[in-house]
Amino acid sequence: MNNTKFTKILSLLACVVLIAAMALIVTGCNEQPVAPVTETDVVTHTDATVVGKGNTSFAFTVVDGQGNETHFTVNTDQTTVGAALLENNLIEGEDGDYGLYVKKVNGITADYDVDGTYWAFYVNDEYATAGVDTTNVTPGATYMFKVEK
């Protein structure tokens, strides 16, 4: 009889632990609302050129083939980085199998088919895992295109 009572108590404890774990998982998976980006959220450079109009701002850097950097603060109401950069004539490209293939940034061309160079897209100094046309503008994030070979 004691063994049966012990098994029931152990089963009850296991159920309580599982329910608590499930509650923590569900609570942790709820998406939190994203606060709108404000001017103070954007990492700015003193030499940044401000472009565009809109309620959202983000920092954008262009690094050419010689390593020269040009900084922008982009203002937009677009939801993706690609749409914001296209809207402000900062990038040009063509649609490909994987989305927008950027060939020109800030008037500088990099074309792999011509000279083996291409525009690499970075988010927060990390090589991007998605294309510029599918990357959502994120509060406080910085974006960069850099010529690579």
N, C-alpha and C. Protein backbone atom coordinates (compact mmCIF):
# COMPACT_ATOMS: atom_id res chain seq x y z
N MET A 1 0.82 -1.19 0.00
CA MET A 1 0.00 0.00 0.00
C MET A 1 0.86 1.25 0.00
N ASN A 2 1.94 1.26 0.78
CA ASN A 2 2.83 2.41 0.80
C ASN A 2 3.45 2.66 -0.56
N ASN A 3 3.75 1.59 -1.26
CA ASN A 3 4.35 1.72 -2.59
C ASN A 3 3.37 2.37 -3.55
N THR A 4 2.09 2.04 -3.47
CA THR A 4 1.07 2.62 -4.33
C THR A 4 0.89 4.10 -4.01
N LYS A 5 0.87 4.44 -2.73
CA LYS A 5 0.73 5.84 -2.33
C LYS A 5 1.93 6.66 -2.81
N PHE A 6 3.12 6.08 -2.67
CA PHE A 6 4.33 6.77 -3.13
C PHE A 6 4.29 7.00 -4.64
N THR A 7 3.83 6.02 -5.40
CA THR A 7 3.73 6.13 -6.86
C THR A 7 2.75 7.22 -7.25
N LYS A 8 1.62 7.29 -6.54
CA LYS A 8 0.62 8.33 -6.83
C LYS A 8 1.18 9.73 -6.56
N ILE A 9 1.89 9.88 -5.46
CA ILE A 9 2.48 11.18 -5.12
C ILE A 9 3.54 11.55 -6.15
N LEU A 10 4.36 10.60 -6.54
CA LEU A 10 5.39 10.84 -7.54
C LEU A 10 4.77 11.23 -8.89
N SER A 11 3.69 10.55 -9.26
CA SER A 11 2.99 10.88 -10.50
C SER A 11 2.41 12.28 -10.45
N LEU A 12 1.84 12.62 -9.31
CA LEU A 12 1.27 13.96 -9.15
C LEU A 12 2.35 15.04 -9.26
N LEU A 13 3.49 14.81 -8.62
CA LEU A 13 4.61 15.76 -8.72
C LEU A 13 5.11 15.89 -10.15
N ALA A 14 5.20 14.78 -10.86
CA ALA A 14 5.65 14.82 -12.25
C ALA A 14 4.69 15.64 -13.10
N CYS A 15 3.38 15.46 -12.86
CA CYS A 15 2.38 16.25 -13.60
C CYS A 15 2.52 17.74 -13.30
N VAL A 16 2.72 18.08 -12.04
CA VAL A 16 2.87 19.49 -11.67
C VAL A 16 4.10 20.09 -12.35
N VAL A 17 5.21 19.34 -12.36
CA VAL A 17 6.43 19.83 -12.99
C VAL A 17 6.22 20.02 -14.49
N LEU A 18 5.57 19.07 -15.14
CA LEU A 18 5.30 19.18 -16.58
C LEU A 18 4.40 20.38 -16.90
N ILE A 19 3.38 20.57 -16.09
CA ILE A 19 2.47 21.71 -16.32
C ILE A 19 3.23 23.03 -16.15
N ALA A 20 4.08 23.11 -15.13
CA ALA A 20 4.87 24.32 -14.91
C ALA A 20 5.83 24.56 -16.07
N ALA A 21 6.46 23.49 -16.57
CA ALA A 21 7.37 23.63 -17.70
C ALA A 21 6.64 24.10 -18.96
N MET A 22 5.45 23.53 -19.19
CA MET A 22 4.67 23.95 -20.36
C MET A 22 4.25 25.41 -20.24
N ALA A 23 3.89 25.83 -19.05
CA ALA A 23 3.50 27.23 -18.86
C ALA A 23 4.67 28.16 -19.13
N LEU A 24 5.86 27.78 -18.70
CA LEU A 24 7.04 28.61 -18.96
C LEU A 24 7.36 28.67 -20.44
N ILE A 25 7.23 27.55 -21.13
CA ILE A 25 7.51 27.53 -22.56
C ILE A 25 6.52 28.40 -23.31
N VAL A 26 5.22 28.25 -23.02
CA VAL A 26 4.20 29.04 -23.69
C VAL A 26 4.40 30.53 -23.41
N THR A 27 4.69 30.88 -22.17
CA THR A 27 4.91 32.28 -21.81
C THR A 27 6.14 32.83 -22.52
N GLY A 28 7.19 32.03 -22.62
CA GLY A 28 8.42 32.49 -23.27
C GLY A 28 8.27 32.65 -24.76
N CYS A 29 7.33 31.95 -25.38
CA CYS A 29 7.16 32.02 -26.82
C CYS A 29 6.25 33.15 -27.27
N ASN A 30 5.55 33.77 -26.35
CA ASN A 30 4.69 34.89 -26.74
C ASN A 30 5.53 36.03 -27.25
N GLU A 31 5.15 36.55 -28.41
CA GLU A 31 5.90 37.67 -28.96
C GLU A 31 5.55 38.94 -28.23
N GLN A 32 6.56 39.71 -27.94
CA GLN A 32 6.37 40.99 -27.29
C GLN A 32 6.20 42.06 -28.36
N PRO A 33 5.36 43.05 -28.13
CA PRO A 33 5.21 44.11 -29.13
C PRO A 33 6.53 44.87 -29.29
N VAL A 34 6.81 45.24 -30.53
CA VAL A 34 8.04 45.97 -30.83
C VAL A 34 7.77 47.46 -30.73
N ALA A 35 8.58 48.12 -29.95
CA ALA A 35 8.42 49.56 -29.81
C ALA A 35 8.89 50.24 -31.09
N PRO A 36 8.27 51.34 -31.47
CA PRO A 36 8.71 52.04 -32.67
C PRO A 36 10.13 52.59 -32.47
N VAL A 37 10.84 52.65 -33.57
CA VAL A 37 12.21 53.16 -33.53
C VAL A 37 12.16 54.68 -33.37
N THR A 38 12.97 55.18 -32.50
CA THR A 38 13.07 56.63 -32.35
C THR A 38 14.47 57.05 -32.73
N GLU A 39 14.66 58.33 -32.88
CA GLU A 39 15.97 58.86 -33.23
C GLU A 39 17.05 58.40 -32.25
N THR A 40 16.71 58.26 -30.98
CA THR A 40 17.71 57.88 -29.98
C THR A 40 18.07 56.41 -30.07
N ASP A 41 17.25 55.58 -30.74
CA ASP A 41 17.55 54.16 -30.90
C ASP A 41 18.59 53.91 -31.99
N VAL A 42 18.77 54.86 -32.88
CA VAL A 42 19.61 54.66 -34.05
C VAL A 42 21.05 55.03 -33.74
N VAL A 43 21.95 54.10 -34.09
CA VAL A 43 23.38 54.39 -33.96
C VAL A 43 23.74 55.33 -35.11
N THR A 44 24.15 56.52 -34.78
CA THR A 44 24.45 57.50 -35.82
C THR A 44 25.93 57.86 -35.80
N HIS A 45 26.41 58.25 -36.94
CA HIS A 45 27.76 58.75 -37.09
C HIS A 45 27.67 60.26 -37.29
N THR A 46 28.66 60.97 -36.81
CA THR A 46 28.62 62.42 -36.93
C THR A 46 28.66 62.85 -38.39
N ASP A 47 29.20 61.99 -39.26
CA ASP A 47 29.28 62.34 -40.68
C ASP A 47 28.17 61.69 -41.51
N ALA A 48 27.13 61.16 -40.86
CA ALA A 48 26.06 60.46 -41.57
C ALA A 48 25.20 61.44 -42.36
N THR A 49 24.86 61.04 -43.56
CA THR A 49 23.93 61.79 -44.39
C THR A 49 22.53 61.29 -44.07
N VAL A 50 21.62 62.19 -43.80
CA VAL A 50 20.23 61.82 -43.49
C VAL A 50 19.45 61.81 -44.79
N VAL A 51 18.75 60.67 -45.05
CA VAL A 51 17.93 60.55 -46.26
C VAL A 51 16.54 60.07 -45.89
N GLY A 52 15.57 60.43 -46.72
CA GLY A 52 14.22 59.93 -46.59
C GLY A 52 13.37 60.66 -45.58
N LYS A 53 12.11 60.24 -45.59
CA LYS A 53 11.11 60.78 -44.66
C LYS A 53 10.33 59.60 -44.13
N GLY A 54 10.01 59.67 -42.85
CA GLY A 54 9.21 58.60 -42.26
C GLY A 54 9.42 58.55 -40.76
N ASN A 55 8.65 57.70 -40.12
CA ASN A 55 8.67 57.60 -38.67
C ASN A 55 9.72 56.63 -38.13
N THR A 56 10.33 55.84 -39.00
CA THR A 56 11.33 54.87 -38.58
C THR A 56 12.68 55.29 -39.13
N SER A 57 13.71 55.17 -38.28
CA SER A 57 15.07 55.51 -38.70
C SER A 57 15.99 54.34 -38.43
N PHE A 58 16.98 54.17 -39.30
CA PHE A 58 18.01 53.17 -39.05
C PHE A 58 19.33 53.63 -39.64
N ALA A 59 20.41 53.09 -39.09
CA ALA A 59 21.76 53.41 -39.56
C ALA A 59 22.11 52.47 -40.71
N PHE A 60 22.73 53.03 -41.74
CA PHE A 60 23.12 52.27 -42.91
C PHE A 60 24.52 52.71 -43.32
N THR A 61 25.40 51.73 -43.55
CA THR A 61 26.78 52.01 -43.94
C THR A 61 27.09 51.32 -45.25
N VAL A 62 27.82 52.02 -46.11
CA VAL A 62 28.30 51.46 -47.38
C VAL A 62 29.82 51.41 -47.30
N VAL A 63 30.39 50.22 -47.56
CA VAL A 63 31.84 50.06 -47.58
C VAL A 63 32.24 49.67 -48.99
N ASP A 64 33.00 50.53 -49.66
CA ASP A 64 33.38 50.26 -51.05
C ASP A 64 34.57 49.29 -51.11
N GLY A 65 35.03 49.00 -52.32
CA GLY A 65 36.10 48.04 -52.53
C GLY A 65 37.44 48.44 -51.94
N GLN A 66 37.63 49.73 -51.65
CA GLN A 66 38.87 50.21 -51.03
C GLN A 66 38.73 50.34 -49.51
N GLY A 67 37.59 49.98 -48.98
CA GLY A 67 37.37 50.06 -47.53
C GLY A 67 36.85 51.40 -47.05
N ASN A 68 36.56 52.32 -47.95
CA ASN A 68 36.00 53.62 -47.55
C ASN A 68 34.56 53.44 -47.11
N GLU A 69 34.21 54.08 -46.00
CA GLU A 69 32.86 53.97 -45.45
C GLU A 69 32.06 55.25 -45.67
N THR A 70 30.80 55.08 -46.05
CA THR A 70 29.87 56.18 -46.16
C THR A 70 28.68 55.83 -45.28
N HIS A 71 28.31 56.75 -44.39
CA HIS A 71 27.26 56.49 -43.40
C HIS A 71 26.00 57.28 -43.72
N PHE A 72 24.88 56.63 -43.48
CA PHE A 72 23.57 57.24 -43.69
C PHE A 72 22.69 56.98 -42.47
N THR A 73 21.78 57.89 -42.22
CA THR A 73 20.64 57.66 -41.36
C THR A 73 19.44 57.67 -42.29
N VAL A 74 18.75 56.53 -42.36
CA VAL A 74 17.63 56.38 -43.29
C VAL A 74 16.32 56.52 -42.52
N ASN A 75 15.49 57.45 -42.97
CA ASN A 75 14.15 57.65 -42.41
C ASN A 75 13.14 57.06 -43.40
N THR A 76 12.21 56.27 -42.89
CA THR A 76 11.27 55.60 -43.79
C THR A 76 10.01 55.17 -43.06
N ASP A 77 8.99 54.85 -43.83
CA ASP A 77 7.81 54.19 -43.32
C ASP A 77 7.70 52.77 -43.90
N GLN A 78 8.69 52.36 -44.67
CA GLN A 78 8.74 51.00 -45.23
C GLN A 78 9.00 49.99 -44.13
N THR A 79 8.60 48.76 -44.33
CA THR A 79 8.80 47.73 -43.31
C THR A 79 10.06 46.90 -43.54
N THR A 80 10.56 46.85 -44.77
CA THR A 80 11.79 46.10 -45.03
C THR A 80 12.93 47.04 -45.37
N VAL A 81 14.13 46.58 -45.06
CA VAL A 81 15.33 47.39 -45.33
C VAL A 81 15.46 47.62 -46.83
N GLY A 82 15.22 46.57 -47.62
CA GLY A 82 15.33 46.71 -49.07
C GLY A 82 14.41 47.76 -49.64
N ALA A 83 13.16 47.76 -49.21
CA ALA A 83 12.20 48.75 -49.70
C ALA A 83 12.62 50.16 -49.31
N ALA A 84 13.15 50.32 -48.09
CA ALA A 84 13.60 51.64 -47.63
C ALA A 84 14.79 52.12 -48.44
N LEU A 85 15.74 51.22 -48.71
CA LEU A 85 16.93 51.62 -49.48
C LEU A 85 16.59 51.89 -50.93
N LEU A 86 15.68 51.10 -51.50
CA LEU A 86 15.22 51.36 -52.87
C LEU A 86 14.49 52.69 -52.96
N GLU A 87 13.63 52.95 -51.98
CA GLU A 87 12.85 54.18 -51.93
C GLU A 87 13.76 55.42 -51.92
N ASN A 88 14.92 55.28 -51.30
CA ASN A 88 15.85 56.41 -51.19
C ASN A 88 16.99 56.33 -52.20
N ASN A 89 16.83 55.49 -53.21
CA ASN A 89 17.80 55.35 -54.31
C ASN A 89 19.20 55.01 -53.82
N LEU A 90 19.30 54.25 -52.74
CA LEU A 90 20.61 53.85 -52.22
C LEU A 90 21.07 52.51 -52.78
N ILE A 91 20.14 51.70 -53.29
CA ILE A 91 20.51 50.43 -53.91
C ILE A 91 19.79 50.26 -55.23
N GLU A 92 20.40 49.46 -56.11
CA GLU A 92 19.78 49.06 -57.37
C GLU A 92 20.14 47.60 -57.60
N GLY A 93 19.27 46.89 -58.28
CA GLY A 93 19.55 45.49 -58.57
C GLY A 93 18.49 44.91 -59.47
N GLU A 94 18.51 43.60 -59.52
CA GLU A 94 17.53 42.90 -60.34
C GLU A 94 16.98 41.72 -59.55
N ASP A 95 15.73 41.37 -59.85
CA ASP A 95 15.12 40.23 -59.17
C ASP A 95 15.75 38.95 -59.69
N GLY A 96 16.09 38.07 -58.75
CA GLY A 96 16.68 36.78 -59.09
C GLY A 96 15.93 35.66 -58.39
N ASP A 97 16.48 34.46 -58.49
CA ASP A 97 15.85 33.29 -57.87
C ASP A 97 15.76 33.42 -56.35
N TYR A 98 16.65 34.19 -55.74
CA TYR A 98 16.69 34.31 -54.28
C TYR A 98 16.29 35.69 -53.79
N GLY A 99 15.60 36.45 -54.62
CA GLY A 99 15.17 37.79 -54.25
C GLY A 99 15.96 38.84 -55.00
N LEU A 100 16.07 40.02 -54.42
CA LEU A 100 16.76 41.13 -55.07
C LEU A 100 18.27 40.90 -55.07
N TYR A 101 18.87 40.86 -56.24
CA TYR A 101 20.32 40.75 -56.40
C TYR A 101 20.86 42.17 -56.55
N VAL A 102 21.45 42.68 -55.48
CA VAL A 102 21.92 44.07 -55.45
C VAL A 102 23.24 44.16 -56.19
N LYS A 103 23.28 45.04 -57.21
CA LYS A 103 24.49 45.24 -58.00
C LYS A 103 25.09 46.63 -57.80
N LYS A 104 24.27 47.56 -57.33
CA LYS A 104 24.76 48.93 -57.16
C LYS A 104 24.28 49.46 -55.82
N VAL A 105 25.23 50.02 -55.04
CA VAL A 105 24.91 50.63 -53.75
C VAL A 105 25.56 52.00 -53.72
N ASN A 106 24.75 53.01 -53.44
CA ASN A 106 25.22 54.39 -53.38
C ASN A 106 26.01 54.77 -54.64
N GLY A 107 25.54 54.28 -55.78
CA GLY A 107 26.16 54.61 -57.06
C GLY A 107 27.39 53.79 -57.42
N ILE A 108 27.79 52.84 -56.58
CA ILE A 108 28.98 52.01 -56.80
C ILE A 108 28.54 50.63 -57.25
N THR A 109 29.07 50.16 -58.37
CA THR A 109 28.70 48.86 -58.92
C THR A 109 29.66 47.78 -58.46
N ALA A 110 29.10 46.66 -58.07
CA ALA A 110 29.85 45.43 -57.81
C ALA A 110 29.07 44.32 -58.51
N ASP A 111 29.71 43.68 -59.48
CA ASP A 111 29.01 42.67 -60.28
C ASP A 111 29.90 41.43 -60.40
N TYR A 112 29.48 40.38 -59.75
CA TYR A 112 30.27 39.15 -59.72
C TYR A 112 30.56 38.63 -61.12
N ASP A 113 29.61 38.77 -62.04
CA ASP A 113 29.79 38.29 -63.40
C ASP A 113 30.87 39.07 -64.15
N VAL A 114 31.13 40.29 -63.73
CA VAL A 114 32.11 41.15 -64.42
C VAL A 114 33.50 41.02 -63.78
N ASP A 115 33.59 41.19 -62.46
CA ASP A 115 34.92 41.23 -61.83
C ASP A 115 35.05 40.37 -60.56
N GLY A 116 34.07 39.53 -60.30
CA GLY A 116 34.14 38.64 -59.13
C GLY A 116 33.80 39.31 -57.81
N THR A 117 33.35 40.57 -57.84
CA THR A 117 32.97 41.26 -56.61
C THR A 117 31.45 41.22 -56.45
N TYR A 118 31.00 41.37 -55.23
CA TYR A 118 29.57 41.41 -54.96
C TYR A 118 29.32 42.24 -53.72
N TRP A 119 28.07 42.64 -53.54
CA TRP A 119 27.67 43.39 -52.35
C TRP A 119 27.21 42.41 -51.29
N ALA A 120 27.93 42.33 -50.19
CA ALA A 120 27.54 41.50 -49.05
C ALA A 120 26.69 42.33 -48.11
N PHE A 121 25.61 41.76 -47.64
CA PHE A 121 24.66 42.45 -46.76
C PHE A 121 24.88 42.00 -45.32
N TYR A 122 25.02 42.96 -44.41
CA TYR A 122 25.26 42.68 -42.99
C TYR A 122 24.18 43.33 -42.13
N VAL A 123 23.82 42.63 -41.05
CA VAL A 123 22.91 43.16 -40.04
C VAL A 123 23.66 43.10 -38.71
N ASN A 124 23.83 44.27 -38.09
CA ASN A 124 24.58 44.36 -36.81
C ASN A 124 25.96 43.72 -36.92
N ASP A 125 26.66 44.02 -38.00
CA ASP A 125 28.02 43.54 -38.26
C ASP A 125 28.12 42.03 -38.43
N GLU A 126 27.00 41.35 -38.64
CA GLU A 126 26.97 39.91 -38.90
C GLU A 126 26.45 39.71 -40.32
N TYR A 127 27.07 38.76 -41.04
CA TYR A 127 26.61 38.46 -42.39
C TYR A 127 25.13 38.08 -42.31
N ALA A 128 24.31 38.72 -43.13
CA ALA A 128 22.85 38.53 -43.06
C ALA A 128 22.46 37.11 -43.45
N THR A 129 21.42 36.61 -42.81
CA THR A 129 20.91 35.28 -43.12
C THR A 129 19.72 35.33 -44.08
N ALA A 130 19.32 36.53 -44.45
CA ALA A 130 18.22 36.71 -45.41
C ALA A 130 18.57 37.87 -46.33
N GLY A 131 17.88 37.96 -47.44
CA GLY A 131 18.13 39.04 -48.38
C GLY A 131 17.61 40.37 -47.87
N VAL A 132 18.14 41.44 -48.45
CA VAL A 132 17.76 42.79 -48.03
C VAL A 132 16.28 43.05 -48.25
N ASP A 133 15.71 42.42 -49.28
CA ASP A 133 14.30 42.67 -49.59
C ASP A 133 13.35 41.90 -48.68
N THR A 134 13.86 40.97 -47.87
CA THR A 134 13.02 40.24 -46.92
C THR A 134 13.40 40.52 -45.47
N THR A 135 14.38 41.39 -45.27
CA THR A 135 14.82 41.73 -43.91
C THR A 135 13.99 42.89 -43.39
N ASN A 136 13.26 42.64 -42.30
CA ASN A 136 12.45 43.69 -41.70
C ASN A 136 13.32 44.69 -40.96
N VAL A 137 12.91 45.95 -40.99
CA VAL A 137 13.59 46.99 -40.23
C VAL A 137 13.38 46.67 -38.75
N THR A 138 14.48 46.60 -38.00
CA THR A 138 14.43 46.27 -36.58
C THR A 138 14.93 47.46 -35.78
N PRO A 139 14.20 47.83 -34.72
CA PRO A 139 14.62 48.96 -33.89
C PRO A 139 16.05 48.77 -33.37
N GLY A 140 16.89 49.77 -33.56
CA GLY A 140 18.25 49.75 -33.05
C GLY A 140 19.26 48.97 -33.88
N ALA A 141 18.81 48.28 -34.92
CA ALA A 141 19.73 47.51 -35.75
C ALA A 141 20.49 48.43 -36.69
N THR A 142 21.67 47.97 -37.11
CA THR A 142 22.44 48.69 -38.12
C THR A 142 22.60 47.76 -39.32
N TYR A 143 22.58 48.35 -40.50
CA TYR A 143 22.66 47.59 -41.74
C TYR A 143 23.84 48.10 -42.56
N MET A 144 24.45 47.18 -43.32
CA MET A 144 25.63 47.57 -44.09
C MET A 144 25.68 46.73 -45.37
N PHE A 145 26.13 47.38 -46.45
CA PHE A 145 26.52 46.68 -47.67
C PHE A 145 28.01 46.92 -47.83
N LYS A 146 28.73 45.83 -48.14
CA LYS A 146 30.18 45.89 -48.25
C LYS A 146 30.60 45.12 -49.49
N VAL A 147 31.49 45.71 -50.29
CA VAL A 147 32.01 45.03 -51.47
C VAL A 147 32.95 43.92 -51.00
N GLU A 148 32.70 42.71 -51.49
CA GLU A 148 33.56 41.57 -51.18
C GLU A 148 33.89 40.81 -52.46
N LYS A 149 34.92 40.03 -52.38
CA LYS A 149 35.35 39.25 -53.55
C LYS A 149 35.49 37.81 -53.17
